[in-house]
């Protein structure tokens, strides 16, 4: 199943009802019941319902395992086929990227309270190298958002942590694959920016946009 990638982007509305009924896996229902804040419960149910909806388009029954770096992958109960996924959410959006190869995905809302420009200038050398001409333009916020999403998706691709990536706490050679360049797909929506990273060029087969209402009732 190598050499392909699908990207699923789901959106939830304020009026959409989300409860434990959206969760089909027992492990997710148990975790849901342990969450106290109502907003966190809603966000958790949204993310897990989207993930299960997506994965069931590829396998009827599955288990989620993790490799030595903590990267999740899916094993089919029917034929032991293996494929990879990565997910991310921000506010009312959730992305799940599925592939035959290792993958990392990040999604960020455009409207944010944090100053991504200052954060990128402080922690991302590649962003610091952007010319002053671009820094004075109106698209600098877009460039910062793309830079941050690319960094986050690269972290997930390598099974690293954000702290290690920003502060360089990993020793050289500890994560040899982190030295490799990634091939990135950037999706720039009106409300969000999404980046999907992989080590090698793979065929982007499909980009799906789906409403949570469809997911919850399918």
Foldseek 3Di string as FASTA:
>chain_A
DAFEKEKEKEFEDPPDDFDLLLDDDPVLSVVLVPDDDPVVSRVSRLARLVVVLVVCVPEVDWDWDADPLRAIWIAHPPPRDIWHWEKEDDPGMIMIMIHRAQKFKYKYWLDDPDDLLVVCCVFPPVLVPDDPVVVPDPCSSVVSQVVVRVQRRLCSSQSHDPCCRRVVPDDPPPRVCSVADWDWDWDDDPTMIMIMTDRDDGHHDYYHYYYVVVSSVD
